[in-house]
Amino acid sequence: MRKDDRVRLQHMLDAADKALTFIQGRIRADLDNDRMLVLSLVRELEIIGEAASKVSADTRSPFSKHLDSVARYYRHAQSIDSRLL
């Protein structure tokens, strides 16, 4: 695996960990009432999606279905409805 792919995968894991930390102890209604929470989650999803979109084809192949889904989500992140989070 290429070094830059390892870095990107680590960025994805770090962003996912942060997102999980943000939602710990929260309920669904918090997304409707806490704009900062929504923006924080969207930002972490953007980081994950951007990193996923730049992973090389060699590294991507065993995970292509999942990385493609994440990358596609990233491209549409600007129009996220908080009900989908």
Protein backbone atom coordinates (compact mmCIF):
# COMPACT_ATOMS: atom_id res chain seq x y z
CA MET A 1 0.00 0.00 0.00
CA ARG A 2 1.25 3.45 -0.88
CA LYS A 3 2.24 5.76 1.96
CA ASP A 4 -0.20 8.47 0.88
CA ASP A 5 -3.02 5.92 0.88
CA ARG A 6 -2.15 4.97 4.45
CA VAL A 7 -2.32 8.64 5.39
CA ARG A 8 -5.70 9.02 3.68
CA LEU A 9 -7.08 5.92 5.36
CA GLN A 10 -5.86 7.23 8.71
CA HIS A 11 -7.59 10.56 8.01
CA MET A 12 -10.78 8.62 7.35
CA LEU A 13 -10.48 6.71 10.61
CA ASP A 14 -9.68 9.85 12.59
CA ALA A 15 -12.65 11.71 11.14
CA ALA A 16 -14.96 8.77 11.85
CA ASP A 17 -13.72 8.64 15.44
CA LYS A 18 -14.39 12.36 15.84
CA ALA A 19 -17.89 12.00 14.40
CA LEU A 20 -18.64 9.18 16.82
CA THR A 21 -17.40 11.33 19.69
CA PHE A 22 -19.67 14.18 18.58
CA ILE A 23 -22.79 12.01 18.65
CA GLN A 24 -22.06 10.19 21.88
CA GLY A 25 -24.94 10.74 24.28
CA ARG A 26 -26.96 12.58 21.65
CA ILE A 27 -30.41 11.78 20.33
CA ARG A 28 -31.88 12.22 16.87
CA ALA A 29 -33.64 15.44 17.87
CA ASP A 30 -30.27 17.05 18.60
CA LEU A 31 -29.65 17.20 14.86
CA ASP A 32 -32.73 19.37 14.45
CA ASN A 33 -31.78 21.72 17.27
CA ASP A 34 -27.99 21.94 17.19
CA ARG A 35 -26.63 23.49 14.01
CA MET A 36 -23.06 23.21 15.28
CA LEU A 37 -23.47 19.45 15.70
CA VAL A 38 -24.77 19.10 12.16
CA LEU A 39 -21.96 21.22 10.72
CA SER A 40 -19.37 19.29 12.71
CA LEU A 41 -20.69 15.97 11.45
CA VAL A 42 -20.89 17.20 7.88
CA ARG A 43 -17.28 18.40 8.08
CA GLU A 44 -16.06 15.02 9.30
CA LEU A 45 -18.03 13.32 6.52
CA GLU A 46 -16.43 15.69 4.01
CA ILE A 47 -12.98 14.71 5.29
CA ILE A 48 -13.86 11.04 4.97
CA GLY A 49 -15.28 11.52 1.49
CA GLU A 50 -12.40 13.60 0.21
CA ALA A 51 -9.86 11.09 1.49
CA ALA A 52 -11.86 8.19 0.02
CA SER A 53 -12.00 9.87 -3.37
CA LYS A 54 -8.19 10.16 -3.48
CA VAL A 55 -7.26 6.60 -2.47
CA SER A 56 -5.34 4.95 -5.32
CA ALA A 57 -6.94 2.30 -7.51
CA ASP A 58 -4.61 -0.38 -6.16
CA THR A 59 -5.66 0.23 -2.58
CA ARG A 60 -9.24 0.93 -3.55
CA SER A 61 -9.93 -2.35 -5.35
CA PRO A 62 -10.72 -4.59 -2.33
CA PHE A 63 -12.85 -1.81 -0.83
CA SER A 64 -14.12 -0.16 -4.00
CA LYS A 65 -17.81 -0.57 -3.26
CA HIS A 66 -17.49 1.12 0.12
CA LEU A 67 -15.02 3.83 -0.91
CA ASP A 68 -17.09 4.68 -3.98
CA SER A 69 -20.17 5.10 -1.77
CA VAL A 70 -18.28 7.37 0.61
CA ALA A 71 -16.82 9.41 -2.25
CA ARG A 72 -20.26 9.77 -3.83
CA TYR A 73 -21.69 10.93 -0.50
CA TYR A 74 -18.92 13.50 -0.24
CA ARG A 75 -19.81 14.98 -3.62
CA HIS A 76 -23.37 15.55 -2.38
CA ALA A 77 -22.43 16.75 1.12
CA GLN A 78 -23.45 20.33 0.46
CA SER A 79 -27.11 19.37 0.16
CA ILE A 80 -27.29 17.07 3.17
CA ASP A 81 -30.58 16.88 4.95
CA SER A 82 -29.95 16.40 8.69
CA ARG A 83 -32.61 13.69 8.71
CA LEU A 84 -30.19 11.51 6.72
CA LEU A 85 -27.39 11.70 9.30
